[in-house]
Structure formats: C-alpha cells, structure tokens
Amino acid sequence: MPRLPVTEAEIDAFLAAFEGCTLPKTEWTHSAHLLTGACYVHGMGHEAALAKMRHCVRRYNESVGGQNTATSGYHESITVMWIRLLDRLHRESAPMDRAQFAALAVERFAAHRDIFREYYDFDLTGSTEARLRWVEPTLKPLE
C-alpha cells in the first residue's frame, strides 16, 4: 500500500498530482480519498470541498481510463456522505493544521470503508440512483 503524504509539502505535491491527473492509479486508495476530502474540507469548507471533490474525482477517473456512468466511476451519494462526515469531524475537532486534520481523518475512517452500511439499508454502492444523485440515509441521519 502506498505511503500517504504527511507533511504540508508532501500533501501539496499529492494534491497537485491528483488535481493534475498525474497521480498513479495505484495511489488513489480509500485513504487517499479521505486525505484529499479532509484537506479540501479543512481549507475551503463543506460546500466548496464537495464541489471540488465532484469535479476532480470525475476528471481523475477519466484520466486513468475509467468512465463516470450510471454503473461505474464517480458516486454522488458516497462522495456527499464522506464530505459530510469529514466536515462533522472538522467541526467537532480542536483547531489543527491541515496535515494534522488529514491524519486524524485517515486514522478515524480508513478502517471504515463500508461505514455507509450504518446509514443505508440497501446496497448503496450498487445503486444507480445513488450513484447519480444524493440519496438521504435510510437508517440514521448523518448529522
């Protein structure tokens, strides 16, 4: 498993590679998604982070040969859910710098890749509707 960036300079280089679509596909892991979302939430707040993540993930997927369709690639509900969870973590945490917050987010959520099962009573990842648009949780609210 690739090592995640930990210093501000490493994070800057990682985000530049992701946003510039030069990040190797093998480095775009669940933890890398978390780190990226955490950095965006920390630096720009919930709404702007969500907009940036939507745009960059779609573009990155295509750059590595993927497609963003009704059955593959970008998933709206999963993206919204993770940005909301990261935003809540940010609001509930003591003030800290971006690298510290990114490390906290990865530590807190890396092992919980399927956390959506706590919120949805159906196969969220396999739902075409949820892939294309935000679907509210069915088991408990995110807030």
N, C-alpha and C. Protein backbone atom coordinates (compact mmCIF):
# COMPACT_ATOMS: atom_id res chain seq x y z
N MET A 1 0.85 -1.18 0.00
CA MET A 1 0.00 0.00 0.00
C MET A 1 0.89 1.25 0.00
N PRO A 2 0.60 2.20 -0.87
CA PRO A 2 1.44 3.40 -0.95
C PRO A 2 1.39 4.20 0.36
N ARG A 3 2.48 4.84 0.65
CA ARG A 3 2.56 5.71 1.83
C ARG A 3 1.84 7.02 1.52
N LEU A 4 1.00 7.44 2.45
CA LEU A 4 0.30 8.71 2.29
C LEU A 4 1.23 9.86 2.67
N PRO A 5 1.00 11.01 2.07
CA PRO A 5 1.79 12.18 2.45
C PRO A 5 1.44 12.60 3.88
N VAL A 6 2.43 13.13 4.59
CA VAL A 6 2.18 13.56 5.97
C VAL A 6 2.56 15.02 6.22
N THR A 7 3.54 15.53 5.51
CA THR A 7 3.93 16.93 5.72
C THR A 7 3.10 17.82 4.79
N GLU A 8 3.07 19.11 5.11
CA GLU A 8 2.35 20.05 4.25
C GLU A 8 2.89 20.02 2.82
N ALA A 9 4.21 19.97 2.68
CA ALA A 9 4.81 19.93 1.33
C ALA A 9 4.42 18.65 0.59
N GLU A 10 4.45 17.52 1.27
CA GLU A 10 4.05 16.26 0.64
C GLU A 10 2.58 16.30 0.25
N ILE A 11 1.75 16.87 1.11
CA ILE A 11 0.31 16.97 0.81
C ILE A 11 0.10 17.87 -0.40
N ASP A 12 0.79 19.00 -0.43
CA ASP A 12 0.68 19.89 -1.60
C ASP A 12 1.03 19.15 -2.89
N ALA A 13 2.11 18.38 -2.87
CA ALA A 13 2.54 17.64 -4.06
C ALA A 13 1.51 16.56 -4.42
N PHE A 14 0.98 15.88 -3.43
CA PHE A 14 -0.02 14.85 -3.67
C PHE A 14 -1.28 15.45 -4.30
N LEU A 15 -1.78 16.53 -3.71
CA LEU A 15 -2.99 17.17 -4.24
C LEU A 15 -2.76 17.70 -5.66
N ALA A 16 -1.58 18.24 -5.90
CA ALA A 16 -1.26 18.73 -7.25
C ALA A 16 -1.26 17.58 -8.25
N ALA A 17 -0.73 16.44 -7.85
CA ALA A 17 -0.71 15.27 -8.73
C ALA A 17 -2.13 14.75 -8.98
N PHE A 18 -2.94 14.70 -7.94
CA PHE A 18 -4.33 14.26 -8.09
C PHE A 18 -5.09 15.23 -9.00
N GLU A 19 -5.03 16.50 -8.68
CA GLU A 19 -5.77 17.51 -9.44
C GLU A 19 -5.25 17.64 -10.87
N GLY A 20 -3.97 17.38 -11.06
CA GLY A 20 -3.38 17.44 -12.41
C GLY A 20 -3.45 16.13 -13.16
N CYS A 21 -4.09 15.14 -12.53
CA CYS A 21 -4.30 13.82 -13.14
C CYS A 21 -2.99 13.10 -13.47
N THR A 22 -1.98 13.33 -12.64
CA THR A 22 -0.71 12.62 -12.82
C THR A 22 -0.46 11.62 -11.69
N LEU A 23 -1.34 11.56 -10.72
CA LEU A 23 -1.21 10.61 -9.61
C LEU A 23 -1.39 9.20 -10.15
N PRO A 24 -0.46 8.30 -9.86
CA PRO A 24 -0.64 6.91 -10.31
C PRO A 24 -1.94 6.32 -9.74
N LYS A 25 -2.64 5.58 -10.56
CA LYS A 25 -3.92 4.99 -10.15
C LYS A 25 -3.76 4.14 -8.88
N THR A 26 -2.64 3.48 -8.73
CA THR A 26 -2.42 2.63 -7.56
C THR A 26 -2.35 3.43 -6.26
N GLU A 27 -2.13 4.73 -6.37
CA GLU A 27 -2.05 5.59 -5.18
C GLU A 27 -3.40 6.21 -4.82
N TRP A 28 -4.41 6.02 -5.65
CA TRP A 28 -5.74 6.60 -5.40
C TRP A 28 -6.58 5.58 -4.62
N THR A 29 -6.20 5.41 -3.36
CA THR A 29 -6.81 4.44 -2.45
C THR A 29 -7.94 5.09 -1.65
N HIS A 30 -8.62 4.26 -0.85
CA HIS A 30 -9.64 4.80 0.06
C HIS A 30 -9.02 5.85 0.98
N SER A 31 -7.86 5.54 1.54
CA SER A 31 -7.21 6.50 2.44
C SER A 31 -6.82 7.78 1.70
N ALA A 32 -6.43 7.66 0.44
CA ALA A 32 -6.10 8.85 -0.35
C ALA A 32 -7.34 9.70 -0.60
N HIS A 33 -8.48 9.06 -0.84
CA HIS A 33 -9.74 9.79 -0.96
C HIS A 33 -10.01 10.57 0.34
N LEU A 34 -9.84 9.89 1.48
CA LEU A 34 -10.09 10.53 2.77
C LEU A 34 -9.16 11.71 2.99
N LEU A 35 -7.88 11.51 2.72
CA LEU A 35 -6.91 12.58 2.89
C LEU A 35 -7.29 13.78 2.03
N THR A 36 -7.64 13.53 0.80
CA THR A 36 -8.00 14.61 -0.13
C THR A 36 -9.24 15.34 0.35
N GLY A 37 -10.28 14.59 0.68
CA GLY A 37 -11.51 15.22 1.18
C GLY A 37 -11.26 16.01 2.45
N ALA A 38 -10.45 15.48 3.35
CA ALA A 38 -10.13 16.18 4.60
C ALA A 38 -9.40 17.48 4.32
N CYS A 39 -8.46 17.45 3.40
CA CYS A 39 -7.72 18.66 3.05
C CYS A 39 -8.65 19.71 2.45
N TYR A 40 -9.54 19.27 1.58
CA TYR A 40 -10.49 20.20 0.97
C TYR A 40 -11.43 20.79 2.03
N VAL A 41 -11.99 19.95 2.90
CA VAL A 41 -12.88 20.44 3.95
C VAL A 41 -12.14 21.43 4.84
N HIS A 42 -10.93 21.08 5.24
CA HIS A 42 -10.14 21.94 6.12
C HIS A 42 -9.86 23.30 5.47
N GLY A 43 -9.55 23.28 4.20
CA GLY A 43 -9.13 24.51 3.53
C GLY A 43 -10.24 25.37 2.96
N MET A 44 -11.38 24.75 2.64
CA MET A 44 -12.39 25.54 1.94
C MET A 44 -13.81 25.37 2.45
N GLY A 45 -14.02 24.52 3.43
CA GLY A 45 -15.38 24.33 3.96
C GLY A 45 -16.16 23.31 3.16
N HIS A 46 -17.29 22.93 3.71
CA HIS A 46 -18.11 21.83 3.19
C HIS A 46 -18.52 21.99 1.73
N GLU A 47 -19.20 23.07 1.39
CA GLU A 47 -19.75 23.22 0.04
C GLU A 47 -18.68 23.28 -1.04
N ALA A 48 -17.67 24.09 -0.83
CA ALA A 48 -16.59 24.19 -1.82
C ALA A 48 -15.81 22.88 -1.91
N ALA A 49 -15.62 22.21 -0.77
CA ALA A 49 -14.92 20.92 -0.78
C ALA A 49 -15.70 19.90 -1.60
N LEU A 50 -17.01 19.87 -1.43
CA LEU A 50 -17.84 18.95 -2.18
C LEU A 50 -17.76 19.24 -3.68
N ALA A 51 -17.87 20.50 -4.05
CA ALA A 51 -17.79 20.86 -5.47
C ALA A 51 -16.44 20.48 -6.06
N LYS A 52 -15.36 20.73 -5.32
CA LYS A 52 -14.02 20.40 -5.82
C LYS A 52 -13.85 18.88 -5.93
N MET A 53 -14.32 18.14 -4.94
CA MET A 53 -14.19 16.68 -4.97
C MET A 53 -14.97 16.12 -6.15
N ARG A 54 -16.20 16.58 -6.36
CA ARG A 54 -17.00 16.12 -7.50
C ARG A 54 -16.22 16.30 -8.81
N HIS A 55 -15.75 17.50 -9.01
CA HIS A 55 -15.05 17.83 -10.26
C HIS A 55 -13.77 17.01 -10.43
N CYS A 56 -12.95 17.00 -9.39
CA CYS A 56 -11.64 16.36 -9.50
C CYS A 56 -11.72 14.84 -9.60
N VAL A 57 -12.63 14.22 -8.86
CA VAL A 57 -12.75 12.76 -8.93
C VAL A 57 -13.23 12.33 -10.32
N ARG A 58 -14.22 13.03 -10.85
CA ARG A 58 -14.70 12.68 -12.20
C ARG A 58 -13.57 12.81 -13.23
N ARG A 59 -12.86 13.92 -13.17
CA ARG A 59 -11.77 14.17 -14.13
C ARG A 59 -10.66 13.14 -13.94
N TYR A 60 -10.29 12.86 -12.71
CA TYR A 60 -9.24 11.89 -12.45
C TYR A 60 -9.64 10.50 -12.95
N ASN A 61 -10.87 10.08 -12.67
CA ASN A 61 -11.35 8.78 -13.14
C ASN A 61 -11.14 8.63 -14.64
N GLU A 62 -11.53 9.64 -15.37
CA GLU A 62 -11.39 9.59 -16.83
C GLU A 62 -9.92 9.59 -17.25
N SER A 63 -9.09 10.29 -16.51
CA SER A 63 -7.67 10.38 -16.87
C SER A 63 -6.94 9.04 -16.72
N VAL A 64 -7.47 8.17 -15.86
CA VAL A 64 -6.83 6.86 -15.67
C VAL A 64 -7.60 5.76 -16.42
N GLY A 65 -8.44 6.16 -17.36
CA GLY A 65 -9.12 5.20 -18.21
C GLY A 65 -10.49 4.77 -17.74
N GLY A 66 -10.95 5.34 -16.65
CA GLY A 66 -12.28 4.99 -16.15
C GLY A 66 -13.36 5.81 -16.83
N GLN A 67 -14.59 5.45 -16.54
CA GLN A 67 -15.73 6.19 -17.05
C GLN A 67 -16.63 6.54 -15.87
N ASN A 68 -17.32 7.66 -15.97
CA ASN A 68 -18.29 8.07 -14.97
C ASN A 68 -19.67 7.86 -15.57
N THR A 69 -20.26 6.71 -15.24
CA THR A 69 -21.54 6.33 -15.83
C THR A 69 -22.54 6.01 -14.72
N ALA A 70 -23.69 5.53 -15.11
CA ALA A 70 -24.72 5.13 -14.15
C ALA A 70 -24.31 3.88 -13.37
N THR A 71 -23.27 3.20 -13.83
CA THR A 71 -22.87 1.96 -13.16
C THR A 71 -21.40 1.90 -12.75
N SER A 72 -20.63 2.95 -13.05
CA SER A 72 -19.21 2.92 -12.68
C SER A 72 -18.67 4.33 -12.49
N GLY A 73 -17.53 4.40 -11.83
CA GLY A 73 -16.87 5.69 -11.64
C GLY A 73 -17.44 6.48 -10.48
N TYR A 74 -17.52 7.77 -10.68
CA TYR A 74 -17.96 8.70 -9.63
C TYR A 74 -19.30 8.28 -9.03
N HIS A 75 -19.41 8.39 -7.70
CA HIS A 75 -20.63 8.02 -6.98
C HIS A 75 -21.05 9.20 -6.11
N GLU A 76 -22.12 9.86 -6.48
CA GLU A 76 -22.56 11.08 -5.80
C GLU A 76 -22.88 10.86 -4.32
N SER A 77 -23.67 9.86 -3.99
CA SER A 77 -24.08 9.68 -2.59
C SER A 77 -22.90 9.34 -1.69
N ILE A 78 -21.98 8.54 -2.17
CA ILE A 78 -20.82 8.20 -1.36
C ILE A 78 -19.94 9.44 -1.17
N THR A 79 -19.77 10.23 -2.21
CA THR A 79 -18.96 11.44 -2.10
C THR A 79 -19.59 12.43 -1.12
N VAL A 80 -20.88 12.67 -1.25
CA VAL A 80 -21.57 13.59 -0.34
C VAL A 80 -21.47 13.09 1.09
N MET A 81 -21.71 11.79 1.30
CA MET A 81 -21.66 11.22 2.64
C MET A 81 -20.28 11.44 3.27
N TRP A 82 -19.21 11.12 2.54
CA TRP A 82 -17.87 11.26 3.10
C TRP A 82 -17.52 12.72 3.39
N ILE A 83 -17.88 13.63 2.50
CA ILE A 83 -17.60 15.05 2.76
C ILE A 83 -18.37 15.51 3.99
N ARG A 84 -19.60 15.07 4.15
CA ARG A 84 -20.37 15.43 5.36
C ARG A 84 -19.73 14.86 6.62
N LEU A 85 -19.29 13.61 6.56
CA LEU A 85 -18.63 13.01 7.72
C LEU A 85 -17.33 13.74 8.05
N LEU A 86 -16.56 14.08 7.04
CA LEU A 86 -15.32 14.81 7.25
C LEU A 86 -15.59 16.22 7.78
N ASP A 87 -16.63 16.86 7.29
CA ASP A 87 -16.99 18.18 7.77
C ASP A 87 -17.40 18.12 9.24
N ARG A 88 -18.17 17.12 9.61
CA ARG A 88 -18.56 16.97 11.02
C ARG A 88 -17.33 16.74 11.89
N LEU A 89 -16.42 15.88 11.45
CA LEU A 89 -15.19 15.65 12.20
C LEU A 89 -14.42 16.96 12.37
N HIS A 90 -14.35 17.74 11.32
CA HIS A 90 -13.64 19.02 11.38
C HIS A 90 -14.29 19.96 12.38
N ARG A 91 -15.61 20.06 12.36
CA ARG A 91 -16.32 20.94 13.29
C ARG A 91 -16.18 20.48 14.74
N GLU A 92 -16.09 19.18 14.95
CA GLU A 92 -16.04 18.64 16.31
C GLU A 92 -14.62 18.52 16.86
N SER A 93 -13.62 18.74 16.05
CA SER A 93 -12.23 18.60 16.47
C SER A 93 -11.66 19.93 16.96
N ALA A 94 -10.65 19.83 17.78
CA ALA A 94 -9.92 21.03 18.19
C ALA A 94 -9.27 21.63 16.95
N PRO A 95 -9.04 22.93 16.95
CA PRO A 95 -8.35 23.54 15.81
C PRO A 95 -6.98 22.88 15.59
N MET A 96 -6.68 22.59 14.35
CA MET A 96 -5.40 21.98 14.00
C MET A 96 -5.07 22.33 12.57
N ASP A 97 -3.81 22.13 12.19
CA ASP A 97 -3.44 22.45 10.82
C ASP A 97 -3.93 21.36 9.87
N ARG A 98 -3.81 21.62 8.59
CA ARG A 98 -4.34 20.73 7.56
C ARG A 98 -3.74 19.33 7.65
N ALA A 99 -2.43 19.23 7.80
CA ALA A 99 -1.79 17.92 7.85
C ALA A 99 -2.27 17.12 9.07
N GLN A 100 -2.43 17.78 10.20
CA GLN A 100 -2.93 17.10 11.39
C GLN A 100 -4.36 16.63 11.18
N PHE A 101 -5.19 17.48 10.57
CA PHE A 101 -6.58 17.09 10.34
C PHE A 101 -6.66 15.94 9.33
N ALA A 102 -5.86 15.98 8.29
CA ALA A 102 -5.85 14.89 7.31
C ALA A 102 -5.45 13.59 7.98
N ALA A 103 -4.44 13.63 8.84
CA ALA A 103 -4.01 12.43 9.55
C ALA A 103 -5.10 11.92 10.48
N LEU A 104 -5.79 12.83 11.16
CA LEU A 104 -6.90 12.44 12.03
C LEU A 104 -8.01 11.76 11.23
N ALA A 105 -8.36 12.33 10.10
CA ALA A 105 -9.43 11.78 9.26
C ALA A 105 -9.07 10.37 8.78
N VAL A 106 -7.84 10.20 8.33
CA VAL A 106 -7.41 8.88 7.86
C VAL A 106 -7.42 7.89 9.03
N GLU A 107 -6.90 8.32 10.17
CA GLU A 107 -6.88 7.44 11.34
C GLU A 107 -8.30 7.03 11.75
N ARG A 108 -9.21 7.99 11.73
CA ARG A 108 -10.59 7.75 12.17
C ARG A 108 -11.37 6.87 11.20
N PHE A 109 -11.17 7.08 9.89
CA PHE A 109 -12.07 6.46 8.92
C PHE A 109 -11.45 5.43 7.97
N ALA A 110 -10.15 5.28 7.93
CA ALA A 110 -9.53 4.37 6.96
C ALA A 110 -10.04 2.94 7.09
N ALA A 111 -10.26 2.50 8.29
CA ALA A 111 -10.72 1.12 8.51
C ALA A 111 -12.23 0.99 8.36
N HIS A 112 -12.90 2.08 8.07
CA HIS A 112 -14.37 2.07 7.98
C HIS A 112 -14.84 2.37 6.56
N ARG A 113 -14.23 1.71 5.63
CA ARG A 113 -14.55 1.92 4.21
C ARG A 113 -16.03 1.72 3.92
N ASP A 114 -16.67 0.80 4.64
CA ASP A 114 -18.08 0.49 4.41
C ASP A 114 -18.99 1.12 5.46
N ILE A 115 -18.60 2.28 6.00
CA ILE A 115 -19.39 2.96 7.02
C ILE A 115 -20.81 3.26 6.53
N PHE A 116 -20.97 3.36 5.23
CA PHE A 116 -22.29 3.65 4.67
C PHE A 116 -23.33 2.61 5.08
N ARG A 117 -22.90 1.41 5.44
CA ARG A 117 -23.85 0.38 5.88
C ARG A 117 -24.55 0.76 7.18
N GLU A 118 -23.94 1.66 7.95
CA GLU A 118 -24.57 2.17 9.17
C GLU A 118 -25.70 3.14 8.86
N TYR A 119 -25.68 3.69 7.65
CA TYR A 119 -26.62 4.74 7.28
C TYR A 119 -27.68 4.32 6.26
N TYR A 120 -27.40 3.25 5.52
CA TYR A 120 -28.29 2.83 4.43
C TYR A 120 -28.70 1.38 4.60
N ASP A 121 -29.96 1.09 4.34
CA ASP A 121 -30.47 -0.28 4.44
C ASP A 121 -30.54 -0.98 3.09
N PHE A 122 -29.79 -0.46 2.12
CA PHE A 122 -29.71 -1.08 0.80
C PHE A 122 -28.28 -0.98 0.31
N ASP A 123 -27.96 -1.63 -0.79
CA ASP A 123 -26.61 -1.63 -1.35
C ASP A 123 -26.33 -0.28 -2.00
N LEU A 124 -25.80 0.63 -1.23
CA LEU A 124 -25.55 1.98 -1.71
C LEU A 124 -24.58 1.98 -2.89
N THR A 125 -23.51 1.21 -2.81
CA THR A 125 -22.51 1.22 -3.88
C THR A 125 -23.09 0.70 -5.19
N GLY A 126 -24.04 -0.22 -5.13
CA GLY A 126 -24.62 -0.79 -6.33
C GLY A 126 -25.84 -0.05 -6.86
N SER A 127 -26.28 0.98 -6.16
CA SER A 127 -27.49 1.71 -6.55
C SER A 127 -27.18 2.74 -7.64
N THR A 128 -27.81 2.57 -8.79
CA THR A 128 -27.65 3.53 -9.88
C THR A 128 -28.18 4.89 -9.46
N GLU A 129 -29.34 4.91 -8.81
CA GLU A 129 -29.93 6.17 -8.37
C GLU A 129 -28.97 6.92 -7.45
N ALA A 130 -28.41 6.21 -6.47
CA ALA A 130 -27.50 6.83 -5.50
C ALA A 130 -26.18 7.25 -6.16
N ARG A 131 -25.77 6.57 -7.20
CA ARG A 131 -24.55 6.95 -7.91
C ARG A 131 -24.76 8.28 -8.64
N LEU A 132 -25.94 8.49 -9.16
CA LEU A 132 -26.21 9.66 -9.99
C LEU A 132 -26.66 10.89 -9.21
N ARG A 133 -27.29 10.68 -8.04
CA ARG A 133 -27.76 11.82 -7.25
C ARG A 133 -27.70 11.48 -5.76
N TRP A 134 -27.72 12.50 -4.93
CA TRP A 134 -27.67 12.32 -3.48
C TRP A 134 -28.96 11.64 -3.00
N VAL A 135 -28.79 10.55 -2.26
CA VAL A 135 -29.90 9.86 -1.64
C VAL A 135 -29.70 9.93 -0.13
N GLU A 136 -30.69 10.45 0.56
CA GLU A 136 -30.62 10.58 2.02
C GLU A 136 -30.47 9.21 2.67
N PRO A 137 -29.73 9.14 3.78
CA PRO A 137 -29.62 7.88 4.51
C PRO A 137 -30.99 7.36 4.96
N THR A 138 -31.13 6.06 5.02
CA THR A 138 -32.41 5.44 5.38
C THR A 138 -32.43 4.91 6.82
N LEU A 139 -31.25 4.73 7.44
CA LEU A 139 -31.20 4.14 8.78
C LEU A 139 -31.02 5.20 9.88
N LYS A 140 -30.18 6.16 9.63
CA LYS A 140 -29.96 7.23 10.60
C LYS A 140 -29.39 8.43 9.86
N PRO A 141 -29.64 9.64 10.37
CA PRO A 141 -29.13 10.83 9.69
C PRO A 141 -27.63 10.99 9.88
N LEU A 142 -27.02 11.69 8.95
CA LEU A 142 -25.59 11.94 9.04
C LEU A 142 -25.27 13.00 10.09
N GLU A 143 -26.18 13.86 10.39
CA GLU A 143 -25.93 14.93 11.38
C GLU A 143 -26.43 14.52 12.74
